[in-house]
C-alpha atoms as a PDB file:
ATOM      1  CA  MET A   1    -182.186 161.970  -9.183  1.00  0.00           C
ATOM      2  CA  CYS A   2    -180.571 159.140 -10.645  1.00  0.00           C
ATOM      3  CA  VAL A   3    -183.655 157.426 -11.091  1.00  0.00           C
ATOM      4  CA  LEU A   4    -185.109 160.300 -12.559  1.00  0.00           C
ATOM      5  CA  ARG A   5    -182.425 160.607 -14.868  1.00  0.00           C
ATOM      6  CA  ARG A   6    -182.658 157.312 -16.216  1.00  0.00           C
ATOM      7  CA  PHE A   7    -186.399 157.460 -16.674  1.00  0.00           C
ATOM      8  CA  LEU A   8    -185.816 160.579 -18.800  1.00  0.00           C
ATOM      9  CA  LEU A   9    -183.304 159.019 -20.864  1.00  0.00           C
ATOM     10  CA  CYS A  10    -185.585 155.955 -21.542  1.00  0.00           C
ATOM     11  CA  TYR A  11    -188.514 158.258 -22.334  1.00  0.00           C
ATOM     12  CA  ALA A  12    -185.946 160.275 -24.550  1.00  0.00           C
ATOM     13  CA  PHE A  13    -185.005 157.089 -26.387  1.00  0.00           C
ATOM     14  CA  TYR A  14    -188.684 155.949 -26.948  1.00  0.00           C
ATOM     15  CA  ARG A  15    -189.881 159.051 -28.243  1.00  0.00           C
ATOM     16  CA  THR A  16    -186.885 159.013 -30.895  1.00  0.00           C
ATOM     17  CA  LEU A  17    -187.660 155.560 -31.555  1.00  0.00           C
ATOM     18  CA  MET A  18    -191.377 156.398 -32.170  1.00  0.00           C
ATOM     19  CA  LEU A  19    -190.531 159.291 -34.677  1.00  0.00           C
ATOM     20  CA  ARG A  20    -188.328 157.017 -36.705  1.00  0.00           C
ATOM     21  CA  MET A  21    -191.179 154.405 -36.799  1.00  0.00           C
ATOM     22  CA  GLU A  22    -193.662 157.006 -38.176  1.00  0.00           C
ATOM     23  CA  ASN A  23    -191.234 157.604 -41.153  1.00  0.00           C
ATOM     24  CA  VAL A  24    -191.438 153.966 -42.066  1.00  0.00           C
ATOM     25  CA  SER A  25    -193.687 152.737 -44.670  1.00  0.00           C
ATOM     26  CA  TYR A  26    -195.518 149.618 -44.527  1.00  0.00           C
ATOM     27  CA  VAL A  27    -198.696 148.157 -45.620  1.00  0.00           C
ATOM     28  CA  ALA A  28    -200.374 146.515 -42.514  1.00  0.00           C
ATOM     29  CA  LEU A  29    -202.723 143.368 -43.025  1.00  0.00           C
ATOM     30  CA  LYS A  30    -206.733 143.996 -42.825  1.00  0.00           C
ATOM     31  CA  GLN A  31    -209.098 141.656 -41.157  1.00  0.00           C
ATOM     32  CA  PRO A  32    -209.893 138.800 -41.749  1.00  0.00           C
ATOM     33  CA  ILE A  33    -206.290 137.678 -40.715  1.00  0.00           C
ATOM     34  CA  VAL A  34    -205.456 133.939 -40.692  1.00  0.00           C
ATOM     35  CA  PHE A  35    -202.400 133.050 -39.186  1.00  0.00           C
ATOM     36  CA  GLU A  36    -200.234 129.809 -40.060  1.00  0.00           C
ATOM     37  CA  LEU A  37    -198.267 127.852 -37.491  1.00  0.00           C
ATOM     38  CA  GLU A  38    -194.957 126.630 -38.279  1.00  0.00           C
ATOM     39  CA  GLY A  39    -195.655 123.363 -36.235  1.00  0.00           C
ATOM     40  CA  PHE A  40    -193.479 120.473 -35.993  1.00  0.00           C
ATOM     41  CA  GLU A  41    -191.540 119.168 -39.137  1.00  0.00           C
ATOM     42  CA  VAL A  42    -193.106 115.673 -39.565  1.00  0.00           C
ATOM     43  CA  SER A  43    -194.265 113.855 -42.633  1.00  0.00           C
ATOM     44  CA  ARG A  44    -198.090 112.993 -42.933  1.00  0.00           C
ATOM     45  CA  SER A  45    -197.547 109.396 -42.113  1.00  0.00           C
ATOM     46  CA  HIS A  46    -196.031 110.112 -38.859  1.00  0.00           C
ATOM     47  CA  GLY A  47    -198.729 112.699 -38.082  1.00  0.00           C
ATOM     48  CA  TYR A  48    -201.539 110.064 -37.306  1.00  0.00           C
ATOM     49  CA  PRO A  49    -199.205 108.092 -34.459  1.00  0.00           C
ATOM     50  CA  LEU A  50    -198.181 111.637 -32.945  1.00  0.00           C
ATOM     51  CA  PHE A  51    -201.880 112.543 -32.825  1.00  0.00           C
ATOM     52  CA  ALA A  52    -202.651 109.228 -31.084  1.00  0.00           C
ATOM     53  CA  LEU A  53    -199.866 109.835 -28.499  1.00  0.00           C
ATOM     54  CA  VAL A  54    -201.119 113.522 -27.848  1.00  0.00           C
ATOM     55  CA  LEU A  55    -204.747 112.325 -27.399  1.00  0.00           C
ATOM     56  CA  ALA A  56    -203.814 109.522 -24.991  1.00  0.00           C
ATOM     57  CA  ILE A  57    -201.549 112.104 -22.931  1.00  0.00           C
ATOM     58  CA  TYR A  58    -204.487 114.727 -23.145  1.00  0.00           C
ATOM     59  CA  PHE A  59    -207.097 111.975 -21.886  1.00  0.00           C
ATOM     60  CA  LEU A  60    -204.679 111.178 -19.064  1.00  0.00           C
ATOM     61  CA  VAL A  61    -204.547 114.976 -18.086  1.00  0.00           C
ATOM     62  CA  LEU A  62    -208.175 115.152 -18.342  1.00  0.00           C
ATOM     63  CA  LEU A  63    -208.761 112.133 -16.334  1.00  0.00           C
ATOM     64  CA  GLY A  64    -206.254 112.964 -13.643  1.00  0.00           C
ATOM     65  CA  ASN A  65    -207.227 116.561 -13.024  1.00  0.00           C
ATOM     66  CA  VAL A  66    -210.958 116.080 -13.278  1.00  0.00           C
ATOM     67  CA  VAL A  67    -210.890 113.356 -10.690  1.00  0.00           C
ATOM     68  CA  VAL A  68    -208.767 115.358  -8.460  1.00  0.00           C
ATOM     69  CA  MET A  69    -211.436 118.066  -8.821  1.00  0.00           C
ATOM     70  CA  GLY A  70    -214.511 115.725  -8.712  1.00  0.00           C
ATOM     71  CA  VAL A  71    -213.321 114.069  -5.382  1.00  0.00           C
ATOM     72  CA  ILE A  72    -212.388 117.465  -3.783  1.00  0.00           C
ATOM     73  CA  ALA A  73    -215.856 118.767  -4.820  1.00  0.00           C
ATOM     74  CA  ILE A  74    -217.848 115.846  -3.451  1.00  0.00           C
ATOM     75  CA  ASP A  75    -215.833 114.708  -0.254  1.00  0.00           C
ATOM     76  CA  LYS A  76    -216.712 117.275   2.310  1.00  0.00           C
ATOM     77  CA  THR A  77    -213.950 116.083   4.395  1.00  0.00           C
ATOM     78  CA  LEU A  78    -211.697 117.959   1.744  1.00  0.00           C
ATOM     79  CA  HIS A  79    -213.297 121.168   1.803  1.00  0.00           C
ATOM     80  CA  LYS A  80    -210.008 122.622   3.345  1.00  0.00           C
ATOM     81  CA  PRO A  81    -207.983 125.637   2.098  1.00  0.00           C
ATOM     82  CA  MET A  82    -205.001 123.342   1.019  1.00  0.00           C
ATOM     83  CA  TYR A  83    -207.569 121.054  -1.216  1.00  0.00           C
ATOM     84  CA  VAL A  84    -209.537 123.998  -2.581  1.00  0.00           C
ATOM     85  CA  MET A  85    -206.154 125.418  -3.908  1.00  0.00           C
ATOM     86  CA  VAL A  86    -205.084 122.195  -5.292  1.00  0.00           C
ATOM     87  CA  CYS A  87    -208.559 122.257  -6.967  1.00  0.00           C
ATOM     88  CA  ASN A  88    -207.599 125.524  -8.341  1.00  0.00           C
ATOM     89  CA  LEU A  89    -204.124 124.479  -9.545  1.00  0.00           C
ATOM     90  CA  ALA A  90    -205.887 121.462 -11.378  1.00  0.00           C
ATOM     91  CA  ALA A  91    -208.171 123.873 -13.060  1.00  0.00           C
ATOM     92  CA  CYS A  92    -205.356 125.888 -14.122  1.00  0.00           C
ATOM     93  CA  ASP A  93    -203.410 122.768 -15.444  1.00  0.00           C
ATOM     94  CA  LEU A  94    -206.562 121.835 -17.552  1.00  0.00           C
ATOM     95  CA  LEU A  95    -206.578 125.535 -19.240  1.00  0.00           C
ATOM     96  CA  GLY A  96    -202.730 125.181 -20.343  1.00  0.00           C
ATOM     97  CA  GLY A  97    -202.807 121.621 -21.627  1.00  0.00           C
ATOM     98  CA  THR A  98    -206.199 122.039 -23.407  1.00  0.00           C
ATOM     99  CA  ALA A  99    -204.897 125.337 -25.036  1.00  0.00           C
ATOM    100  CA  VAL A 100    -201.746 123.756 -26.464  1.00  0.00           C
ATOM    101  CA  MET A 101    -202.674 119.715 -26.794  1.00  0.00           C
ATOM    102  CA  THR A 102    -205.874 120.295 -28.470  1.00  0.00           C
ATOM    103  CA  GLN A 103    -204.201 122.639 -31.321  1.00  0.00           C
ATOM    104  CA  LEU A 104    -201.434 119.848 -31.537  1.00  0.00           C
ATOM    105  CA  MET A 105    -204.135 117.178 -32.135  1.00  0.00           C
ATOM    106  CA  VAL A 106    -205.496 119.382 -34.977  1.00  0.00           C
ATOM    107  CA  ILE A 107    -202.057 119.878 -36.755  1.00  0.00           C
ATOM    108  CA  PHE A 108    -201.064 116.049 -36.393  1.00  0.00           C
ATOM    109  CA  LEU A 109    -204.552 114.581 -37.414  1.00  0.00           C
ATOM    110  CA  MET A 110    -205.692 117.225 -40.134  1.00  0.00           C
ATOM    111  CA  GLY A 111    -202.093 118.842 -41.124  1.00  0.00           C
ATOM    112  CA  GLU A 112    -204.446 122.040 -40.521  1.00  0.00           C
ATOM    113  CA  LYS A 113    -201.927 124.765 -39.342  1.00  0.00           C
ATOM    114  CA  ARG A 114    -204.002 127.719 -40.092  1.00  0.00           C
ATOM    115  CA  ILE A 115    -205.568 129.493 -37.121  1.00  0.00           C
ATOM    116  CA  PRO A 116    -207.788 132.478 -37.126  1.00  0.00           C
ATOM    117  CA  TYR A 117    -206.939 135.835 -35.577  1.00  0.00           C
ATOM    118  CA  ASN A 118    -209.509 135.602 -32.664  1.00  0.00           C
ATOM    119  CA  SER A 119    -208.528 131.740 -32.118  1.00  0.00           C
ATOM    120  CA  ALA A 120    -204.771 133.036 -32.074  1.00  0.00           C
ATOM    121  CA  TYR A 121    -205.202 135.383 -29.530  1.00  0.00           C
ATOM    122  CA  ALA A 122    -207.656 133.378 -27.331  1.00  0.00           C
ATOM    123  CA  GLN A 123    -204.813 130.505 -27.236  1.00  0.00           C
ATOM    124  CA  ALA A 124    -202.065 133.128 -26.624  1.00  0.00           C
ATOM    125  CA  ILE A 125    -204.098 134.564 -23.685  1.00  0.00           C
ATOM    126  CA  CYS A 126    -204.763 131.161 -22.145  1.00  0.00           C
ATOM    127  CA  VAL A 127    -201.345 130.003 -22.523  1.00  0.00           C
ATOM    128  CA  HIS A 128    -199.698 133.024 -20.578  1.00  0.00           C
ATOM    129  CA  THR A 129    -202.578 133.126 -18.183  1.00  0.00           C
ATOM    130  CA  TYR A 130    -201.760 129.240 -17.255  1.00  0.00           C
ATOM    131  CA  GLY A 131    -197.807 130.394 -16.934  1.00  0.00           C
ATOM    132  CA  ALA A 132    -198.688 133.190 -14.541  1.00  0.00           C
ATOM    133  CA  ALA A 133    -201.790 131.850 -12.471  1.00  0.00           C
ATOM    134  CA  VAL A 134    -199.369 128.456 -12.004  1.00  0.00           C
ATOM    135  CA  GLN A 135    -196.866 130.919 -10.337  1.00  0.00           C
ATOM    136  CA  THR A 136    -199.331 132.605  -8.133  1.00  0.00           C
ATOM    137  CA  ILE A 137    -201.367 129.749  -7.010  1.00  0.00           C
ATOM    138  CA  LEU A 138    -198.195 127.765  -5.974  1.00  0.00           C
ATOM    139  CA  SER A 139    -197.512 130.900  -3.771  1.00  0.00           C
ATOM    140  CA  ALA A 140    -200.848 130.871  -2.338  1.00  0.00           C
ATOM    141  CA  MET A 141    -200.448 126.997  -1.659  1.00  0.00           C
ATOM    142  CA  ALA A 142    -196.824 127.895  -0.157  1.00  0.00           C
ATOM    143  CA  TYR A 143    -198.428 130.536   2.266  1.00  0.00           C
ATOM    144  CA  ASP A 144    -201.272 128.091   3.341  1.00  0.00           C
ATOM    145  CA  ARG A 145    -198.679 125.648   4.159  1.00  0.00           C
ATOM    146  CA  TYR A 146    -196.643 128.010   5.977  1.00  0.00           C
ATOM    147  CA  VAL A 147    -199.502 129.182   8.273  1.00  0.00           C
ATOM    148  CA  ALA A 148    -200.443 125.370   8.777  1.00  0.00           C
ATOM    149  CA  VAL A 149    -197.175 124.482   9.774  1.00  0.00           C
ATOM    150  CA  CYS A 150    -195.793 127.413  11.863  1.00  0.00           C
ATOM    151  CA  GLU A 151    -199.251 128.543  13.290  1.00  0.00           C
ATOM    152  CA  PRO A 152    -200.924 125.229  13.839  1.00  0.00           C
ATOM    153  CA  LEU A 153    -202.909 126.624  16.751  1.00  0.00           C
ATOM    154  CA  ARG A 154    -204.107 129.815  15.005  1.00  0.00           C
ATOM    155  CA  TYR A 155    -204.500 127.989  11.347  1.00  0.00           C
ATOM    156  CA  HIS A 156    -208.367 127.628  11.592  1.00  0.00           C
ATOM    157  CA  ALA A 157    -208.617 131.201  12.871  1.00  0.00           C
ATOM    158  CA  ILE A 158    -206.175 132.896  10.244  1.00  0.00           C
ATOM    159  CA  MET A 159    -207.368 130.562   7.127  1.00  0.00           C
ATOM    160  CA  THR A 160    -211.144 131.391   7.435  1.00  0.00           C
ATOM    161  CA  THR A 161    -213.392 130.707   4.339  1.00  0.00           C
ATOM    162  CA  ALA A 162    -213.498 134.312   3.716  1.00  0.00           C
ATOM    163  CA  HIS A 163    -209.414 134.590   3.820  1.00  0.00           C
ATOM    164  CA  MET A 164    -208.900 131.548   1.779  1.00  0.00           C
ATOM    165  CA  VAL A 165    -211.532 132.805  -0.784  1.00  0.00           C
ATOM    166  CA  PHE A 166    -209.325 136.215  -0.655  1.00  0.00           C
ATOM    167  CA  VAL A 167    -206.017 134.385  -1.145  1.00  0.00           C
ATOM    168  CA  ILE A 168    -207.457 132.325  -4.187  1.00  0.00           C
ATOM    169  CA  LEU A 169    -208.986 135.221  -5.991  1.00  0.00           C
ATOM    170  CA  LEU A 170    -205.949 137.492  -5.284  1.00  0.00           C
ATOM    171  CA  ALA A 171    -203.719 134.546  -7.144  1.00  0.00           C
ATOM    172  CA  TRP A 172    -206.123 134.523 -10.124  1.00  0.00           C
ATOM    173  CA  ALA A 173    -206.419 138.298 -10.064  1.00  0.00           C
ATOM    174  CA  VAL A 174    -202.934 138.958 -10.110  1.00  0.00           C
ATOM    175  CA  ALA A 175    -202.225 136.513 -12.951  1.00  0.00           C
ATOM    176  CA  ILE A 176    -205.240 137.832 -15.026  1.00  0.00           C
ATOM    177  CA  ILE A 177    -204.509 141.545 -14.733  1.00  0.00           C
ATOM    178  CA  LEU A 178    -200.988 140.814 -15.508  1.00  0.00           C
ATOM    179  CA  ILE A 179    -202.040 139.096 -18.877  1.00  0.00           C
ATOM    180  CA  ALA A 180    -204.624 141.433 -19.722  1.00  0.00           C
ATOM    181  CA  VAL A 181    -202.165 144.574 -19.650  1.00  0.00           C
ATOM    182  CA  LEU A 182    -199.586 142.511 -21.706  1.00  0.00           C
ATOM    183  CA  PHE A 183    -202.282 142.021 -24.487  1.00  0.00           C
ATOM    184  CA  ALA A 184    -204.105 145.464 -23.870  1.00  0.00           C
ATOM    185  CA  LEU A 185    -200.613 146.754 -25.217  1.00  0.00           C
ATOM    186  CA  ASN A 186    -201.062 144.896 -28.271  1.00  0.00           C
ATOM    187  CA  VAL A 187    -204.224 146.801 -29.417  1.00  0.00           C
ATOM    188  CA  GLY A 188    -203.665 148.888 -32.478  1.00  0.00           C
ATOM    189  CA  THR A 189    -200.278 146.913 -33.401  1.00  0.00           C
ATOM    190  CA  PRO A 190    -200.263 146.679 -37.295  1.00  0.00           C
ATOM    191  CA  LEU A 191    -199.496 143.045 -38.519  1.00  0.00           C
ATOM    192  CA  CYS A 192    -197.426 142.517 -41.704  1.00  0.00           C
ATOM    193  CA  GLY A 193    -197.035 138.912 -41.743  1.00  0.00           C
ATOM    194  CA  THR A 194    -199.076 135.698 -41.002  1.00  0.00           C
ATOM    195  CA  TYR A 195    -196.328 133.050 -40.641  1.00  0.00           C
ATOM    196  CA  ILE A 196    -195.969 132.274 -36.854  1.00  0.00           C
ATOM    197  CA  ARG A 197    -192.647 130.432 -36.275  1.00  0.00           C
ATOM    198  CA  HIS A 198    -193.918 128.367 -33.193  1.00  0.00           C
ATOM    199  CA  VAL A 199    -195.759 125.522 -32.388  1.00  0.00           C
ATOM    200  CA  TYR A 200    -198.645 127.471 -30.750  1.00  0.00           C
ATOM    201  CA  CYS A 201    -199.490 131.315 -30.435  1.00  0.00           C
ATOM    202  CA  SER A 202    -197.917 133.352 -28.075  1.00  0.00           C
ATOM    203  CA  ASN A 203    -197.690 137.112 -27.468  1.00  0.00           C
ATOM    204  CA  ARG A 204    -193.941 137.213 -28.712  1.00  0.00           C
ATOM    205  CA  SER A 205    -194.721 135.026 -31.880  1.00  0.00           C
ATOM    206  CA  ILE A 206    -197.576 137.145 -32.841  1.00  0.00           C
ATOM    207  CA  LEU A 207    -195.669 140.472 -32.032  1.00  0.00           C
ATOM    208  CA  ASN A 208    -192.774 139.122 -34.142  1.00  0.00           C
ATOM    209  CA  LEU A 209    -195.181 139.777 -37.183  1.00  0.00           C
ATOM    210  CA  ALA A 210    -195.685 143.391 -36.392  1.00  0.00           C
ATOM    211  CA  CYS A 211    -194.926 146.069 -38.853  1.00  0.00           C
ATOM    212  CA  VAL A 212    -193.097 148.097 -36.311  1.00  0.00           C
ATOM    213  CA  PRO A 213    -190.874 147.608 -33.276  1.00  0.00           C
ATOM    214  CA  THR A 214    -192.883 147.177 -29.948  1.00  0.00           C
ATOM    215  CA  PRO A 215    -190.268 148.322 -27.287  1.00  0.00           C
ATOM    216  CA  ILE A 216    -193.042 148.952 -24.617  1.00  0.00           C
ATOM    217  CA  ASN A 217    -194.529 145.566 -25.130  1.00  0.00           C
ATOM    218  CA  ASP A 218    -191.122 144.069 -24.951  1.00  0.00           C
ATOM    219  CA  ILE A 219    -190.084 145.780 -21.766  1.00  0.00           C
ATOM    220  CA  TYR A 220    -193.393 145.116 -20.113  1.00  0.00           C
ATOM    221  CA  GLY A 221    -193.017 141.553 -20.994  1.00  0.00           C
ATOM    222  CA  LEU A 222    -189.647 141.029 -19.549  1.00  0.00           C
ATOM    223  CA  CYS A 223    -190.500 142.858 -16.634  1.00  0.00           C
ATOM    224  CA  MET A 224    -193.718 141.022 -15.988  1.00  0.00           C
ATOM    225  CA  THR A 225    -192.020 137.847 -16.219  1.00  0.00           C
ATOM    226  CA  TRP A 226    -189.083 138.718 -14.178  1.00  0.00           C
ATOM    227  CA  ILE A 227    -191.066 140.043 -11.283  1.00  0.00           C
ATOM    228  CA  LEU A 228    -193.711 137.374 -11.327  1.00  0.00           C
ATOM    229  CA  SER A 229    -190.926 134.406 -11.220  1.00  0.00           C
ATOM    230  CA  SER A 230    -188.918 136.643  -8.670  1.00  0.00           C
ATOM    231  CA  SER A 231    -191.759 137.227  -6.243  1.00  0.00           C
ATOM    232  CA  SER A 232    -192.913 133.631  -6.559  1.00  0.00           C
ATOM    233  CA  PHE A 233    -189.669 132.205  -5.745  1.00  0.00           C
ATOM    234  CA  LEU A 234    -189.180 134.589  -2.996  1.00  0.00           C
ATOM    235  CA  ILE A 235    -192.499 133.600  -1.380  1.00  0.00           C
ATOM    236  CA  ILE A 236    -192.173 130.187  -1.701  1.00  0.00           C
ATOM    237  CA  PHE A 237    -188.505 130.311  -0.387  1.00  0.00           C
ATOM    238  CA  PHE A 238    -189.380 132.196   2.381  1.00  0.00           C
ATOM    239  CA  CYS A 239    -192.422 129.977   3.400  1.00  0.00           C
ATOM    240  CA  TYR A 240    -190.316 126.834   3.044  1.00  0.00           C
ATOM    241  CA  SER A 241    -187.490 128.376   4.935  1.00  0.00           C
ATOM    242  CA  LYS A 242    -189.798 128.996   7.792  1.00  0.00           C
ATOM    243  CA  ILE A 243    -191.311 125.670   7.616  1.00  0.00           C
ATOM    244  CA  LEU A 244    -188.111 123.979   7.857  1.00  0.00           C
ATOM    245  CA  SER A 245    -186.893 126.112  10.794  1.00  0.00           C
ATOM    246  CA  ALA A 246    -190.379 125.573  12.538  1.00  0.00           C
ATOM    247  CA  CYS A 247    -189.884 121.504  12.204  1.00  0.00           C
ATOM    248  CA  LEU A 248    -186.190 121.455  13.381  1.00  0.00           C
ATOM    249  CA  MET A 249    -187.164 123.722  16.410  1.00  0.00           C
ATOM    250  CA  ARG A 250    -190.002 122.091  17.283  1.00  0.00           C
ATOM    251  CA  LYS A 251    -189.486 119.806  20.447  1.00  0.00           C
ATOM    252  CA  SER A 252    -192.476 117.232  19.125  1.00  0.00           C
ATOM    253  CA  GLY A 253    -191.382 113.846  18.163  1.00  0.00           C
ATOM    254  CA  LYS A 254    -189.943 112.958  14.730  1.00  0.00           C
ATOM    255  CA  GLY A 255    -193.471 111.504  13.560  1.00  0.00           C
ATOM    256  CA  SER A 256    -195.163 114.880  13.850  1.00  0.00           C
ATOM    257  CA  ARG A 257    -191.890 116.512  12.168  1.00  0.00           C
ATOM    258  CA  SER A 258    -192.110 114.037   9.418  1.00  0.00           C
ATOM    259  CA  LYS A 259    -195.900 114.538   9.032  1.00  0.00           C
ATOM    260  CA  ALA A 260    -195.721 118.315   8.937  1.00  0.00           C
ATOM    261  CA  LEU A 261    -192.655 118.049   6.333  1.00  0.00           C
ATOM    262  CA  GLN A 262    -194.774 115.420   4.147  1.00  0.00           C
ATOM    263  CA  THR A 263    -197.902 117.672   3.944  1.00  0.00           C
ATOM    264  CA  CYS A 264    -195.459 119.981   2.112  1.00  0.00           C
ATOM    265  CA  ALA A 265    -193.638 117.707  -0.032  1.00  0.00           C
ATOM    266  CA  SER A 266    -196.114 117.462  -2.669  1.00  0.00           C
ATOM    267  CA  HIS A 267    -196.237 121.111  -3.351  1.00  0.00           C
ATOM    268  CA  LEU A 268    -192.734 121.769  -3.189  1.00  0.00           C
ATOM    269  CA  VAL A 269    -192.063 118.829  -5.661  1.00  0.00           C
ATOM    270  CA  ILE A 270    -194.858 120.453  -8.316  1.00  0.00           C
ATOM    271  CA  TYR A 271    -193.065 123.863  -7.896  1.00  0.00           C
ATOM    272  CA  LEU A 272    -189.543 122.136  -8.764  1.00  0.00           C
ATOM    273  CA  ILE A 273    -190.855 120.292 -11.723  1.00  0.00           C
ATOM    274  CA  PHE A 274    -192.229 123.524 -13.092  1.00  0.00           C
ATOM    275  CA  GLU A 275    -189.091 125.300 -12.501  1.00  0.00           C
ATOM    276  CA  ILE A 276    -186.987 122.269 -14.131  1.00  0.00           C
ATOM    277  CA  VAL A 277    -189.295 122.234 -17.262  1.00  0.00           C
ATOM    278  CA  SER A 278    -188.978 126.102 -17.526  1.00  0.00           C
ATOM    279  CA  LEU A 279    -185.158 125.832 -17.402  1.00  0.00           C
ATOM    280  CA  ILE A 280    -185.104 123.158 -20.022  1.00  0.00           C
ATOM    281  CA  ILE A 281    -186.962 125.383 -22.311  1.00  0.00           C
ATOM    282  CA  ILE A 282    -184.488 128.145 -21.735  1.00  0.00           C
ATOM    283  CA  LEU A 283    -181.317 125.996 -22.181  1.00  0.00           C
ATOM    284  CA  SER A 284    -182.902 124.164 -25.398  1.00  0.00           C
ATOM    285  CA  ASN A 285    -183.416 127.389 -26.824  1.00  0.00           C
ATOM    286  CA  ARG A 286    -179.992 128.754 -26.223  1.00  0.00           C
ATOM    287  CA  LEU A 287    -178.159 125.618 -27.685  1.00  0.00           C
ATOM    288  CA  PRO A 288    -177.745 126.055 -31.358  1.00  0.00           C
ATOM    289  CA  GLN A 289    -176.749 122.350 -31.869  1.00  0.00           C
ATOM    290  CA  VAL A 290    -180.101 121.092 -30.634  1.00  0.00           C
ATOM    291  CA  PRO A 291    -182.593 120.128 -33.574  1.00  0.00           C
ATOM    292  CA  MET A 292    -185.434 122.369 -34.172  1.00  0.00           C
ATOM    293  CA  ASN A 293    -187.925 119.500 -33.297  1.00  0.00           C
ATOM    294  CA  ILE A 294    -186.448 118.982 -30.097  1.00  0.00           C
ATOM    295  CA  LYS A 295    -186.331 122.550 -29.386  1.00  0.00           C
ATOM    296  CA  LYS A 296    -190.206 122.586 -30.353  1.00  0.00           C
ATOM    297  CA  LEU A 297    -190.748 119.691 -27.991  1.00  0.00           C
ATOM    298  CA  CYS A 298    -189.193 121.287 -25.082  1.00  0.00           C
ATOM    299  CA  THR A 299    -191.296 124.460 -25.425  1.00  0.00           C
ATOM    300  CA  ILE A 300    -194.423 122.563 -25.154  1.00  0.00           C
ATOM    301  CA  LEU A 301    -193.472 120.457 -22.125  1.00  0.00           C
ATOM    302  CA  ILE A 302    -194.564 123.021 -19.854  1.00  0.00           C
ATOM    303  CA  PHE A 303    -198.203 122.306 -20.839  1.00  0.00           C
ATOM    304  CA  ILE A 304    -197.699 118.507 -20.657  1.00  0.00           C
ATOM    305  CA  VAL A 305    -195.600 117.376 -17.825  1.00  0.00           C
ATOM    306  CA  PRO A 306    -196.973 119.584 -14.917  1.00  0.00           C
ATOM    307  CA  PRO A 307    -200.628 119.019 -15.780  1.00  0.00           C
ATOM    308  CA  LEU A 308    -199.876 115.252 -16.080  1.00  0.00           C
ATOM    309  CA  ILE A 309    -197.669 114.748 -13.064  1.00  0.00           C
ATOM    310  CA  ASN A 310    -199.592 117.093 -10.775  1.00  0.00           C
ATOM    311  CA  PRO A 311    -202.405 114.946  -9.974  1.00  0.00           C
ATOM    312  CA  ILE A 312    -200.547 111.848  -9.680  1.00  0.00           C
ATOM    313  CA  ILE A 313    -198.324 113.591  -6.937  1.00  0.00           C
ATOM    314  CA  TYR A 314    -201.165 115.080  -5.073  1.00  0.00           C
ATOM    315  CA  GLY A 315    -203.074 111.382  -5.497  1.00  0.00           C
ATOM    316  CA  PHE A 316    -200.187 109.354  -4.270  1.00  0.00           C
ATOM    317  CA  VAL A 317    -198.511 111.708  -1.743  1.00  0.00           C
ATOM    318  CA  THR A 318    -201.422 113.375   0.114  1.00  0.00           C
ATOM    319  CA  LYS A 319    -202.908 110.600   2.321  1.00  0.00           C
ATOM    320  CA  GLU A 320    -206.334 112.291   2.402  1.00  0.00           C
ATOM    321  CA  LEU A 321    -206.774 112.788  -1.313  1.00  0.00           C
ATOM    322  CA  ARG A 322    -205.640 109.304  -1.740  1.00  0.00           C
ATOM    323  CA  THR A 323    -208.157 107.533   0.665  1.00  0.00           C
ATOM    324  CA  SER A 324    -211.141 109.699  -0.988  1.00  0.00           C
ATOM    325  CA  ILE A 325    -210.244 108.419  -4.400  1.00  0.00           C
ATOM    326  CA  ILE A 326    -209.740 105.090  -3.585  1.00  0.00           C
ATOM    327  CA  LYS A 327    -213.055 105.261  -1.462  1.00  0.00           C
ATOM    328  CA  LEU A 328    -214.728 106.870  -4.468  1.00  0.00           C
ATOM    329  CA  LEU A 329    -213.538 104.248  -6.801  1.00  0.00           C
ATOM    330  CA  LYS A 330    -214.861 101.432  -4.678  1.00  0.00           C
ATOM    331  CA  THR A 331    -218.070 102.979  -4.178  1.00  0.00           C
ATOM    332  CA  ARG A 332    -218.530 103.336  -8.001  1.00  0.00           C
ATOM    333  CA  VAL A 333    -217.520  99.691  -8.442  1.00  0.00           C
ATOM    334  CA  ALA A 334    -219.762  98.503  -5.793  1.00  0.00           C
ATOM    335  CA  LEU A 335    -222.649 100.525  -7.623  1.00  0.00           C
ATOM    336  CA  LYS A 336    -221.956  98.787 -10.966  1.00  0.00           C
ATOM    337  CA  LEU A 337    -222.039  95.307  -9.334  1.00  0.00           C
END
């Protein structure tokens, strides 16, 4: 009864708000709509070195993630659930990094801050899909590590090829469906402005230009973010609690326990990096004394730091992947000689 009463109150409030909105007069923009990004407040003379910096970072992101994906695809010994999921995480990192850094390079090099309507929504969809998919893929990887450590004798029976494909597809499907619904709610929303006060296009930055309030979009966006973040945290926390408990309770030697924990260390570090960067973004936006350019820089760290560091962590920490990368490089050098 309490839940029903709250639902009815929320519905009544929503209907009242909608009725008031119908009485508000506005002139909505018509297509073709071209947005203008606020971007960073830098002079043109600083644009070229910043372009070179972003280009260098993007090159490293491309190099690292493509090498990881290529080695996993070529080396048949790495055709295991763990590395297939690493490959999917690398693809996700490329999606997020490309969506934001290519736009930054255009702004710094040409000073062009205008972005067409369709391109703006494409960038926003890629940005949000990246944020959602990272969390679902990391949750899937935590589940894989949980089965590997806690059920080592049944691992191959549980994580069959079909089950692995199902888990990976489920991770992507959850992220894509959630973001699809988020942007489906935007259909038909009239816009009365074109100036986006952000470095890149996002759902919220575009909705800020709406002629009318968008309560359903706001409520869904907040609920989606909270549920996705909480669910991924709980899954990862549960899996690693079980992993730690299994390693401590296991009667095998220290070497096997250390090896079991080491296989999970890289994944856990990547998750912590993602959460720390997300926390930095939240804190920077809550502190009024932080300069605007610093705030904007913090908002794009999520698309730079994880995609840049993730392949380095897996390349150096994971022994099998590191060995395969070194072997591939040696083969390439030998062929050239």
